[in-house]
C-alpha atoms as a PDB file:
ATOM      1  CA  MET A   1    -111.312 -87.807-166.674  1.00  0.00           C
ATOM      2  CA  THR A   2    -112.487 -89.706-163.937  1.00  0.00           C
ATOM      3  CA  ARG A   3    -108.742 -90.671-163.118  1.00  0.00           C
ATOM      4  CA  GLY A   4    -107.614 -86.678-163.090  1.00  0.00           C
ATOM      5  CA  PHE A   5    -110.916 -85.996-160.781  1.00  0.00           C
ATOM      6  CA  LEU A   6    -110.255 -88.682-158.191  1.00  0.00           C
ATOM      7  CA  PRO A   7    -106.661 -87.174-156.963  1.00  0.00           C
ATOM      8  CA  THR A   8    -108.027 -83.812-156.974  1.00  0.00           C
ATOM      9  CA  LEU A   9    -110.422 -84.845-154.419  1.00  0.00           C
ATOM     10  CA  LEU A  10    -108.518 -86.781-152.323  1.00  0.00           C
ATOM     11  CA  PHE A  11    -106.384 -83.870-152.151  1.00  0.00           C
ATOM     12  CA  ALA A  12    -109.383 -81.796-151.427  1.00  0.00           C
ATOM     13  CA  LEU A  13    -110.175 -84.160-148.178  1.00  0.00           C
ATOM     14  CA  SER A  14    -106.832 -84.169-146.830  1.00  0.00           C
ATOM     15  CA  ALA A  15    -106.605 -80.503-147.023  1.00  0.00           C
ATOM     16  CA  VAL A  16    -110.268 -80.167-145.072  1.00  0.00           C
ATOM     17  CA  MET A  17    -108.976 -82.849-143.144  1.00  0.00           C
ATOM     18  CA  PHE A  18    -105.598 -81.249-141.658  1.00  0.00           C
ATOM     19  CA  PHE A  19    -107.258 -78.089-141.685  1.00  0.00           C
ATOM     20  CA  GLY A  20    -110.110 -79.363-139.296  1.00  0.00           C
ATOM     21  CA  LEU A  21    -107.142 -81.222-137.272  1.00  0.00           C
ATOM     22  CA  GLY A  22    -105.042 -77.567-136.990  1.00  0.00           C
ATOM     23  CA  SER A  23    -108.006 -75.468-135.764  1.00  0.00           C
ATOM     24  CA  PHE A  24    -109.105 -78.202-133.008  1.00  0.00           C
ATOM     25  CA  LEU A  25    -105.458 -78.477-131.725  1.00  0.00           C
ATOM     26  CA  ALA A  26    -105.145 -74.654-131.866  1.00  0.00           C
ATOM     27  CA  ALA A  27    -108.639 -74.328-129.868  1.00  0.00           C
ATOM     28  CA  ARG A  28    -107.397 -77.010-127.411  1.00  0.00           C
ATOM     29  CA  GLN A  29    -104.175 -75.241-126.688  1.00  0.00           C
ATOM     30  CA  ALA A  30    -106.166 -71.978-126.513  1.00  0.00           C
ATOM     31  CA  ALA A  31    -108.470 -73.426-123.574  1.00  0.00           C
ATOM     32  CA  GLU A  32    -105.379 -74.838-121.847  1.00  0.00           C
ATOM     33  CA  ASN A  33    -103.916 -71.177-121.524  1.00  0.00           C
ATOM     34  CA  GLU A  34    -107.556 -69.748-120.650  1.00  0.00           C
ATOM     35  CA  ASN A  35    -107.645 -72.409-117.561  1.00  0.00           C
ATOM     36  CA  GLU A  36    -103.867 -71.414-116.588  1.00  0.00           C
ATOM     37  CA  GLN A  37    -104.909 -68.012-116.751  1.00  0.00           C
ATOM     38  CA  ILE A  38    -108.208 -68.484-114.728  1.00  0.00           C
ATOM     39  CA  ALA A  39    -105.993 -70.604-111.822  1.00  0.00           C
ATOM     40  CA  ALA A  40    -103.363 -67.885-111.900  1.00  0.00           C
ATOM     41  CA  LEU A  41    -105.825 -64.984-111.181  1.00  0.00           C
ATOM     42  CA  ARG A  42    -107.537 -67.376-108.400  1.00  0.00           C
ATOM     43  CA  ALA A  43    -104.428 -67.688-106.729  1.00  0.00           C
ATOM     44  CA  GLU A  44    -103.855 -64.111-106.675  1.00  0.00           C
ATOM     45  CA  VAL A  45    -107.003 -63.239-105.247  1.00  0.00           C
ATOM     46  CA  GLY A  46    -106.592 -65.818-102.561  1.00  0.00           C
ATOM     47  CA  VAL A  47    -103.040 -64.146-101.691  1.00  0.00           C
ATOM     48  CA  LEU A  48    -105.118 -60.804-101.486  1.00  0.00           C
ATOM     49  CA  LYS A  49    -107.716 -62.387 -99.562  1.00  0.00           C
ATOM     50  CA  ARG A  50    -105.219 -63.749 -96.944  1.00  0.00           C
ATOM     51  CA  GLN A  51    -103.245 -60.234 -96.852  1.00  0.00           C
ATOM     52  CA  HIS A  52    -106.789 -58.393 -95.949  1.00  0.00           C
ATOM     53  CA  THR A  53    -107.339 -60.983 -93.493  1.00  0.00           C
ATOM     54  CA  ASP A  54    -104.099 -60.804 -91.817  1.00  0.00           C
ATOM     55  CA  GLY A  55    -103.861 -56.480 -91.888  1.00  0.00           C
ATOM     56  CA  ALA A  56    -107.648 -56.090 -90.484  1.00  0.00           C
ATOM     57  CA  SER A  57    -110.836 -57.746 -89.564  1.00  0.00           C
ATOM     58  CA  GLY A  58    -114.251 -56.603 -88.426  1.00  0.00           C
ATOM     59  CA  THR A  59    -115.325 -56.958 -84.443  1.00  0.00           C
ATOM     60  CA  THR A  60    -118.186 -59.193 -84.995  1.00  0.00           C
ATOM     61  CA  GLY A  61    -118.448 -62.901 -83.686  1.00  0.00           C
ATOM     62  CA  LYS A  62    -118.827 -65.784 -85.231  1.00  0.00           C
ATOM     63  CA  ALA A  63    -120.388 -69.222 -84.016  1.00  0.00           C
ATOM     64  CA  THR A  64    -117.999 -71.708 -83.831  1.00  0.00           C
ATOM     65  CA  ASP A  65    -118.263 -75.436 -83.321  1.00  0.00           C
ATOM     66  CA  ALA A  66    -118.787 -76.318 -79.051  1.00  0.00           C
ATOM     67  CA  HIS A  67    -115.810 -78.558 -79.554  1.00  0.00           C
ATOM     68  CA  THR A  68    -113.554 -75.794 -80.746  1.00  0.00           C
ATOM     69  CA  ALA A  69    -115.299 -72.753 -78.635  1.00  0.00           C
ATOM     70  CA  THR A  70    -113.180 -70.833 -76.054  1.00  0.00           C
ATOM     71  CA  PRO A  71    -113.819 -71.848 -72.425  1.00  0.00           C
ATOM     72  CA  PRO A  72    -115.101 -69.100 -70.465  1.00  0.00           C
ATOM     73  CA  ILE A  73    -113.192 -67.555 -68.419  1.00  0.00           C
ATOM     74  CA  ASP A  74    -113.716 -68.289 -64.443  1.00  0.00           C
ATOM     75  CA  ASP A  75    -114.299 -65.985 -61.672  1.00  0.00           C
ATOM     76  CA  HIS A  76    -111.010 -66.043 -60.219  1.00  0.00           C
ATOM     77  CA  SER A  77    -109.389 -65.483 -64.075  1.00  0.00           C
ATOM     78  CA  ARG A  78    -111.492 -62.603 -64.532  1.00  0.00           C
ATOM     79  CA  ALA A  79    -111.052 -60.956 -60.955  1.00  0.00           C
ATOM     80  CA  ALA A  80    -107.335 -61.014 -61.788  1.00  0.00           C
ATOM     81  CA  LEU A  81    -107.720 -59.541 -65.306  1.00  0.00           C
ATOM     82  CA  VAL A  82    -110.204 -56.738 -63.936  1.00  0.00           C
ATOM     83  CA  ALA A  83    -107.349 -56.399 -61.026  1.00  0.00           C
ATOM     84  CA  ASP A  84    -104.837 -55.802 -63.433  1.00  0.00           C
ATOM     85  CA  ILE A  85    -106.859 -52.920 -65.409  1.00  0.00           C
ATOM     86  CA  LYS A  86    -107.904 -51.376 -62.501  1.00  0.00           C
ATOM     87  CA  ARG A  87    -103.951 -51.111 -61.656  1.00  0.00           C
ATOM     88  CA  GLN A  88    -103.277 -50.052 -65.123  1.00  0.00           C
ATOM     89  CA  LEU A  89    -105.499 -46.961 -65.402  1.00  0.00           C
ATOM     90  CA  LYS A  90    -104.363 -46.235 -62.009  1.00  0.00           C
ATOM     91  CA  THR A  91    -100.500 -45.859 -62.942  1.00  0.00           C
ATOM     92  CA  GLU A  92    -101.474 -44.397 -66.867  1.00  0.00           C
ATOM     93  CA  MET A  93    -104.328 -41.869 -65.161  1.00  0.00           C
ATOM     94  CA  GLY A  94    -102.868 -41.349 -61.963  1.00  0.00           C
ATOM     95  CA  LEU A  95    -106.346 -42.289 -60.196  1.00  0.00           C
ATOM     96  CA  LEU A  96    -106.839 -43.499 -56.808  1.00  0.00           C
ATOM     97  CA  PRO A  97    -110.145 -45.649 -55.029  1.00  0.00           C
ATOM     98  CA  VAL A  98    -112.468 -43.681 -53.910  1.00  0.00           C
ATOM     99  CA  SER A  99    -112.569 -45.798 -50.735  1.00  0.00           C
ATOM    100  CA  LEU A 100    -108.661 -45.422 -50.224  1.00  0.00           C
ATOM    101  CA  LEU A 101    -109.280 -41.306 -50.346  1.00  0.00           C
ATOM    102  CA  ARG A 102    -112.071 -41.612 -47.758  1.00  0.00           C
ATOM    103  CA  GLU A 103    -109.896 -43.549 -45.386  1.00  0.00           C
ATOM    104  CA  ARG A 104    -106.783 -41.271 -45.904  1.00  0.00           C
ATOM    105  CA  ARG A 105    -109.271 -38.261 -44.958  1.00  0.00           C
ATOM    106  CA  ALA A 106    -109.750 -39.601 -41.512  1.00  0.00           C
ATOM    107  CA  SER A 107    -106.005 -39.269 -41.175  1.00  0.00           C
ATOM    108  CA  PHE A 108    -106.290 -35.701 -40.982  1.00  0.00           C
ATOM    109  CA  VAL A 109    -107.577 -33.287 -38.387  1.00  0.00           C
ATOM    110  CA  GLU A 110    -107.958 -29.384 -38.595  1.00  0.00           C
ATOM    111  CA  MET A 111    -105.418 -27.633 -36.617  1.00  0.00           C
ATOM    112  CA  TYR A 112    -106.217 -23.711 -34.930  1.00  0.00           C
ATOM    113  CA  SER A 113    -103.904 -21.633 -33.038  1.00  0.00           C
ATOM    114  CA  TYR A 114    -103.978 -18.602 -30.967  1.00  0.00           C
ATOM    115  CA  ASP A 115    -101.233 -15.873 -30.257  1.00  0.00           C
ATOM    116  CA  SER A 116    -100.645 -13.387 -27.378  1.00  0.00           C
ATOM    117  CA  THR A 117    -102.016 -10.579 -29.767  1.00  0.00           C
ATOM    118  CA  GLY A 118    -105.828 -12.290 -29.370  1.00  0.00           C
ATOM    119  CA  ALA A 119    -105.702 -13.436 -32.956  1.00  0.00           C
ATOM    120  CA  SER A 120    -106.054 -17.161 -34.269  1.00  0.00           C
ATOM    121  CA  ASN A 121    -104.874 -19.003 -37.428  1.00  0.00           C
ATOM    122  CA  TYR A 122    -105.801 -21.876 -38.956  1.00  0.00           C
ATOM    123  CA  GLY A 123    -104.410 -24.891 -40.415  1.00  0.00           C
ATOM    124  CA  THR A 124    -104.082 -28.656 -41.141  1.00  0.00           C
ATOM    125  CA  ALA A 125    -101.931 -31.884 -38.996  1.00  0.00           C
ATOM    126  CA  GLY A 126    -101.224 -35.391 -40.031  1.00  0.00           C
ATOM    127  CA  TYR A 127    -102.075 -37.973 -37.825  1.00  0.00           C
ATOM    128  CA  LEU A 128     -98.781 -40.507 -37.616  1.00  0.00           C
ATOM    129  CA  GLY A 129     -99.804 -42.543 -34.556  1.00  0.00           C
ATOM    130  CA  ASN A 130     -99.652 -42.722 -30.735  1.00  0.00           C
ATOM    131  CA  GLY A 131    -100.840 -38.997 -30.094  1.00  0.00           C
ATOM    132  CA  TYR A 132     -98.402 -37.402 -32.406  1.00  0.00           C
ATOM    133  CA  PHE A 133     -98.977 -35.158 -35.399  1.00  0.00           C
ATOM    134  CA  ILE A 134     -97.019 -33.651 -38.194  1.00  0.00           C
ATOM    135  CA  THR A 135     -97.850 -29.954 -39.556  1.00  0.00           C
ATOM    136  CA  VAL A 136     -96.097 -26.575 -40.581  1.00  0.00           C
ATOM    137  CA  LYS A 137     -93.788 -24.395 -37.883  1.00  0.00           C
ATOM    138  CA  HIS A 138     -95.468 -21.614 -39.240  1.00  0.00           C
ATOM    139  CA  GLY A 139     -98.775 -22.670 -38.259  1.00  0.00           C
ATOM    140  CA  VAL A 140     -97.642 -23.225 -34.342  1.00  0.00           C
ATOM    141  CA  ILE A 141     -94.698 -20.802 -33.877  1.00  0.00           C
ATOM    142  CA  ALA A 142     -94.132 -17.194 -34.867  1.00  0.00           C
ATOM    143  CA  LEU A 143     -91.849 -16.731 -37.872  1.00  0.00           C
ATOM    144  CA  GLY A 144     -90.900 -13.767 -39.742  1.00  0.00           C
ATOM    145  CA  ASP A 145     -90.711 -10.088 -39.254  1.00  0.00           C
ATOM    146  CA  GLY A 146     -93.174 -10.074 -36.231  1.00  0.00           C
ATOM    147  CA  ALA A 147     -91.855 -13.003 -34.445  1.00  0.00           C
ATOM    148  CA  ALA A 148     -90.678 -10.835 -31.598  1.00  0.00           C
ATOM    149  CA  SER A 149     -94.022  -9.150 -30.877  1.00  0.00           C
ATOM    150  CA  ARG A 150     -96.191 -12.175 -31.225  1.00  0.00           C
ATOM    151  CA  ARG A 151     -96.169 -15.450 -29.202  1.00  0.00           C
ATOM    152  CA  ILE A 152     -98.421 -18.461 -29.782  1.00  0.00           C
ATOM    153  CA  THR A 153    -100.126 -18.833 -26.517  1.00  0.00           C
ATOM    154  CA  SER A 154    -102.079 -22.379 -27.255  1.00  0.00           C
ATOM    155  CA  ILE A 155    -102.919 -24.840 -30.154  1.00  0.00           C
ATOM    156  CA  LYS A 156    -105.699 -27.076 -30.653  1.00  0.00           C
ATOM    157  CA  VAL A 157    -106.716 -29.927 -33.220  1.00  0.00           C
ATOM    158  CA  MET A 158    -110.108 -30.895 -33.755  1.00  0.00           C
ATOM    159  CA  TYR A 159    -110.992 -34.963 -33.236  1.00  0.00           C
ATOM    160  CA  ASP A 160    -114.545 -36.192 -32.462  1.00  0.00           C
ATOM    161  CA  GLY A 161    -116.170 -32.429 -32.374  1.00  0.00           C
ATOM    162  CA  ARG A 162    -114.016 -31.480 -29.545  1.00  0.00           C
ATOM    163  CA  ALA A 163    -110.767 -29.324 -29.684  1.00  0.00           C
ATOM    164  CA  LEU A 164    -108.048 -30.935 -27.821  1.00  0.00           C
ATOM    165  CA  PRO A 165    -105.058 -28.797 -26.396  1.00  0.00           C
ATOM    166  CA  ALA A 166    -101.799 -30.190 -28.150  1.00  0.00           C
ATOM    167  CA  LYS A 167     -98.054 -29.328 -27.486  1.00  0.00           C
ATOM    168  CA  VAL A 168     -94.855 -28.722 -29.929  1.00  0.00           C
ATOM    169  CA  VAL A 169     -92.441 -31.571 -29.195  1.00  0.00           C
ATOM    170  CA  ASP A 170     -90.215 -30.444 -32.391  1.00  0.00           C
ATOM    171  CA  THR A 171     -89.728 -28.239 -35.011  1.00  0.00           C
ATOM    172  CA  GLY A 172     -87.543 -27.476 -38.112  1.00  0.00           C
ATOM    173  CA  ASP A 173     -84.632 -24.521 -38.186  1.00  0.00           C
ATOM    174  CA  ALA A 174     -86.948 -22.355 -40.055  1.00  0.00           C
ATOM    175  CA  THR A 175     -87.185 -18.627 -39.257  1.00  0.00           C
ATOM    176  CA  VAL A 176     -89.844 -17.595 -41.929  1.00  0.00           C
ATOM    177  CA  GLU A 177     -92.656 -19.291 -44.025  1.00  0.00           C
ATOM    178  CA  VAL A 178     -92.176 -21.672 -47.167  1.00  0.00           C
ATOM    179  CA  ASP A 179     -88.525 -23.009 -46.181  1.00  0.00           C
ATOM    180  CA  PRO A 180     -87.356 -26.749 -45.989  1.00  0.00           C
ATOM    181  CA  GLY A 181     -87.068 -26.263 -42.150  1.00  0.00           C
ATOM    182  CA  ASP A 182     -90.774 -25.088 -41.709  1.00  0.00           C
ATOM    183  CA  TRP A 183     -91.899 -28.432 -40.164  1.00  0.00           C
ATOM    184  CA  ALA A 184     -93.186 -29.266 -36.434  1.00  0.00           C
ATOM    185  CA  ILE A 185     -94.197 -32.171 -34.430  1.00  0.00           C
ATOM    186  CA  LEU A 186     -97.480 -32.120 -32.244  1.00  0.00           C
ATOM    187  CA  LYS A 187     -98.271 -34.295 -29.383  1.00  0.00           C
ATOM    188  CA  VAL A 188    -102.185 -34.624 -27.681  1.00  0.00           C
ATOM    189  CA  LYS A 189    -101.980 -36.362 -24.380  1.00  0.00           C
ATOM    190  CA  ASP A 190    -105.924 -37.493 -24.798  1.00  0.00           C
ATOM    191  CA  PRO A 191    -106.361 -40.816 -26.511  1.00  0.00           C
ATOM    192  CA  VAL A 192    -107.767 -40.286 -30.091  1.00  0.00           C
ATOM    193  CA  GLU A 193    -108.773 -43.358 -32.467  1.00  0.00           C
ATOM    194  CA  LEU A 194    -107.402 -41.902 -36.110  1.00  0.00           C
ATOM    195  CA  PRO A 195    -106.036 -44.110 -38.803  1.00  0.00           C
ATOM    196  CA  ALA A 196    -102.361 -43.748 -38.816  1.00  0.00           C
ATOM    197  CA  LEU A 197    -100.709 -42.535 -41.955  1.00  0.00           C
ATOM    198  CA  ASP A 198     -98.179 -44.540 -43.567  1.00  0.00           C
ATOM    199  CA  VAL A 199     -94.820 -42.422 -44.579  1.00  0.00           C
ATOM    200  CA  ASP A 200     -92.844 -42.435 -47.614  1.00  0.00           C
ATOM    201  CA  LEU A 201     -88.962 -41.430 -46.927  1.00  0.00           C
ATOM    202  CA  ALA A 202     -88.078 -42.419 -50.327  1.00  0.00           C
ATOM    203  CA  TYR A 203     -90.475 -40.854 -53.135  1.00  0.00           C
ATOM    204  CA  ALA A 204     -88.870 -39.400 -55.879  1.00  0.00           C
ATOM    205  CA  PHE A 205     -90.999 -36.462 -57.157  1.00  0.00           C
ATOM    206  CA  ASP A 206     -90.713 -37.211 -60.597  1.00  0.00           C
ATOM    207  CA  PHE A 207     -91.906 -34.828 -62.892  1.00  0.00           C
ATOM    208  CA  ALA A 208     -95.413 -35.387 -63.638  1.00  0.00           C
ATOM    209  CA  ASP A 209     -96.132 -38.050 -60.881  1.00  0.00           C
ATOM    210  CA  PRO A 210     -99.731 -37.325 -59.490  1.00  0.00           C
ATOM    211  CA  ILE A 211    -100.210 -36.013 -56.217  1.00  0.00           C
ATOM    212  CA  PHE A 212    -103.142 -35.996 -53.876  1.00  0.00           C
ATOM    213  CA  ARG A 213    -103.670 -32.888 -51.307  1.00  0.00           C
ATOM    214  CA  LEU A 214    -105.921 -33.066 -47.738  1.00  0.00           C
ATOM    215  CA  GLY A 215    -105.961 -29.927 -45.869  1.00  0.00           C
ATOM    216  CA  ASN A 216    -108.548 -27.739 -44.257  1.00  0.00           C
ATOM    217  CA  ASP A 217    -109.480 -25.301 -46.712  1.00  0.00           C
ATOM    218  CA  TYR A 218    -110.494 -22.170 -45.678  1.00  0.00           C
ATOM    219  CA  SER A 219    -111.181 -23.526 -42.379  1.00  0.00           C
ATOM    220  CA  LYS A 220    -114.154 -25.509 -43.858  1.00  0.00           C
ATOM    221  CA  GLY A 221    -113.152 -29.005 -43.585  1.00  0.00           C
ATOM    222  CA  ILE A 222    -110.328 -31.384 -45.067  1.00  0.00           C
ATOM    223  CA  ILE A 223    -110.669 -31.001 -48.593  1.00  0.00           C
ATOM    224  CA  LEU A 224    -109.245 -33.210 -51.381  1.00  0.00           C
ATOM    225  CA  SER A 225    -107.261 -31.715 -54.059  1.00  0.00           C
ATOM    226  CA  THR A 226    -105.149 -33.421 -57.099  1.00  0.00           C
ATOM    227  CA  GLY A 227    -102.553 -32.102 -59.311  1.00  0.00           C
ATOM    228  CA  TYR A 228     -99.361 -33.292 -60.924  1.00  0.00           C
ATOM    229  CA  VAL A 229     -95.382 -32.798 -59.425  1.00  0.00           C
ATOM    230  CA  GLY A 230     -93.164 -29.515 -61.264  1.00  0.00           C
ATOM    231  CA  GLN A 231     -90.034 -29.399 -60.149  1.00  0.00           C
ATOM    232  CA  ARG A 232     -87.412 -29.277 -56.982  1.00  0.00           C
ATOM    233  CA  THR A 233     -86.364 -25.783 -56.237  1.00  0.00           C
ATOM    234  CA  SER A 234     -83.324 -24.916 -55.308  1.00  0.00           C
ATOM    235  CA  ASN A 235     -83.574 -24.803 -51.507  1.00  0.00           C
ATOM    236  CA  ASN A 236     -85.145 -28.492 -52.201  1.00  0.00           C
ATOM    237  CA  LEU A 237     -88.780 -27.810 -51.819  1.00  0.00           C
ATOM    238  CA  VAL A 238     -91.145 -29.099 -54.735  1.00  0.00           C
ATOM    239  CA  THR A 239     -93.735 -27.088 -57.176  1.00  0.00           C
ATOM    240  CA  CYS A 240     -97.032 -28.185 -58.243  1.00  0.00           C
ATOM    241  CA  LEU A 241    -100.315 -27.203 -59.354  1.00  0.00           C
ATOM    242  CA  THR A 242    -102.687 -27.977 -56.481  1.00  0.00           C
ATOM    243  CA  ASP A 243    -104.932 -25.726 -54.831  1.00  0.00           C
ATOM    244  CA  GLY A 244    -102.899 -23.616 -52.105  1.00  0.00           C
ATOM    245  CA  HIS A 245    -105.682 -22.339 -50.381  1.00  0.00           C
ATOM    246  CA  PRO A 246    -105.410 -20.757 -47.073  1.00  0.00           C
ATOM    247  CA  GLY A 247    -105.695 -23.277 -44.327  1.00  0.00           C
ATOM    248  CA  VAL A 248    -104.221 -26.142 -46.388  1.00  0.00           C
ATOM    249  CA  SER A 249    -100.386 -25.833 -44.932  1.00  0.00           C
ATOM    250  CA  GLY A 250     -99.217 -28.737 -42.591  1.00  0.00           C
ATOM    251  CA  GLY A 251    -101.976 -31.124 -44.616  1.00  0.00           C
ATOM    252  CA  GLY A 252    -101.036 -34.266 -46.483  1.00  0.00           C
ATOM    253  CA  VAL A 253     -99.643 -34.806 -49.966  1.00  0.00           C
ATOM    254  CA  LEU A 254    -100.166 -38.458 -50.935  1.00  0.00           C
ATOM    255  CA  ASN A 255     -98.904 -40.249 -53.730  1.00  0.00           C
ATOM    256  CA  GLY A 256    -100.458 -42.780 -55.881  1.00  0.00           C
ATOM    257  CA  ASP A 257    -100.076 -45.604 -53.220  1.00  0.00           C
ATOM    258  CA  GLY A 258    -101.698 -43.435 -50.705  1.00  0.00           C
ATOM    259  CA  HIS A 259     -98.796 -42.871 -48.756  1.00  0.00           C
ATOM    260  CA  LEU A 260     -97.694 -39.589 -46.925  1.00  0.00           C
ATOM    261  CA  VAL A 261     -94.816 -38.140 -49.304  1.00  0.00           C
ATOM    262  CA  GLY A 262     -94.839 -34.463 -48.100  1.00  0.00           C
ATOM    263  CA  ILE A 263     -96.523 -31.524 -46.899  1.00  0.00           C
ATOM    264  CA  PRO A 264     -98.028 -28.519 -48.150  1.00  0.00           C
ATOM    265  CA  ILE A 265     -96.572 -25.398 -46.921  1.00  0.00           C
ATOM    266  CA  GLY A 266     -97.021 -22.313 -48.643  1.00  0.00           C
ATOM    267  CA  ARG A 267     -97.877 -20.778 -52.286  1.00  0.00           C
ATOM    268  CA  MET A 268     -96.760 -18.397 -55.035  1.00  0.00           C
ATOM    269  CA  GLN A 269     -98.042 -15.085 -53.953  1.00  0.00           C
ATOM    270  CA  GLY A 270    -101.165 -14.262 -56.115  1.00  0.00           C
ATOM    271  CA  ASP A 271    -101.580 -17.983 -57.031  1.00  0.00           C
ATOM    272  CA  TYR A 272    -103.614 -20.138 -55.140  1.00  0.00           C
ATOM    273  CA  ARG A 273    -102.853 -22.990 -57.590  1.00  0.00           C
ATOM    274  CA  PHE A 274     -99.011 -22.747 -57.516  1.00  0.00           C
ATOM    275  CA  SER A 275     -97.586 -24.402 -54.156  1.00  0.00           C
ATOM    276  CA  PHE A 276     -94.758 -25.477 -52.631  1.00  0.00           C
ATOM    277  CA  ILE A 277     -94.662 -29.163 -51.049  1.00  0.00           C
ATOM    278  CA  LEU A 278     -91.963 -29.757 -48.336  1.00  0.00           C
ATOM    279  CA  PRO A 279     -91.066 -33.501 -49.229  1.00  0.00           C
ATOM    280  CA  LEU A 280     -90.545 -35.986 -45.807  1.00  0.00           C
ATOM    281  CA  ARG A 281     -87.143 -36.305 -44.545  1.00  0.00           C
ATOM    282  CA  GLU A 282     -85.987 -38.361 -41.629  1.00  0.00           C
ATOM    283  CA  GLU A 283     -85.137 -35.585 -39.137  1.00  0.00           C
ATOM    284  CA  MET A 284     -88.928 -35.017 -39.068  1.00  0.00           C
ATOM    285  CA  PHE A 285     -89.409 -38.163 -37.012  1.00  0.00           C
ATOM    286  CA  ARG A 286     -86.235 -37.757 -34.752  1.00  0.00           C
ATOM    287  CA  LYS A 287     -88.415 -37.014 -31.302  1.00  0.00           C
ATOM    288  CA  ILE A 288     -91.499 -39.674 -31.763  1.00  0.00           C
ATOM    289  CA  PRO A 289     -90.365 -42.636 -29.546  1.00  0.00           C
ATOM    290  CA  GLN A 290     -92.216 -45.028 -31.476  1.00  0.00           C
ATOM    291  CA  ALA A 291     -91.292 -46.053 -34.822  1.00  0.00           C
ATOM    292  CA  ILE A 292     -93.571 -44.507 -37.494  1.00  0.00           C
ATOM    293  CA  GLN A 293     -95.294 -46.416 -40.426  1.00  0.00           C
ATOM    294  CA  LEU A 294     -92.896 -46.521 -43.154  1.00  0.00           C
ATOM    295  CA  ALA A 295     -94.613 -47.450 -46.344  1.00  0.00           C
ATOM    296  CA  GLU A 296     -93.208 -50.915 -48.057  1.00  0.00           C
END
């Protein structure tokens, strides 16, 4: 009996020992698999975090170590940055500095003409320097159907509260108003101290270019209006949407650099917002002995 029991006991102990060893090895393998899965999950989470950081980030600042912080911008760099931002704003939004517009306003004067019928008319003239002004022909010479019975007898420009006499020294070939030849050059003998306009003969008048109009609106003084270039007409005028009130004819059209590029000469009948601009060209200045100030 003892001899039969001992082998059975040994067999049972061996079985228990192998079962325990198998369970231990299985548990160890399971733990290793679990650790690998956790490591893989952590790696995946890390990738997602990096993708999120690359795609977007918050706008709050984080304190950094003094040795790694970005040095503060100096005054020269700050001024250059501000100037560049202003330039971009001016280009994209069609803005001009208020100080520049105020300076350009001083280059325009109210103009009045008187005819043989006893009537008077008012318009605007832009100063070119050396006593010369540019304006519209129909403001200083009778045009159209009533030209034969109406003659301009005198022309005055307002300067420093005084009405200075002016004479016509050159005109275009227009016989009617709102025409490519509807321009005139005036000259005053009295000395005047006005800033001469910079003339740009090469301005392209591209569609949607911002422009600035200065003129003697309703004989109430030089008033500013803004608008945008439309398109060229078949007779080489330019259309735009900017106030074309009575009195602005002969005034100035400035580009985004503040240069004189044209003169307003008329409007659409019944629509004070639809204006016609006469682009400047070289022949308009042929009778001015001194060189005009050409924009660079």
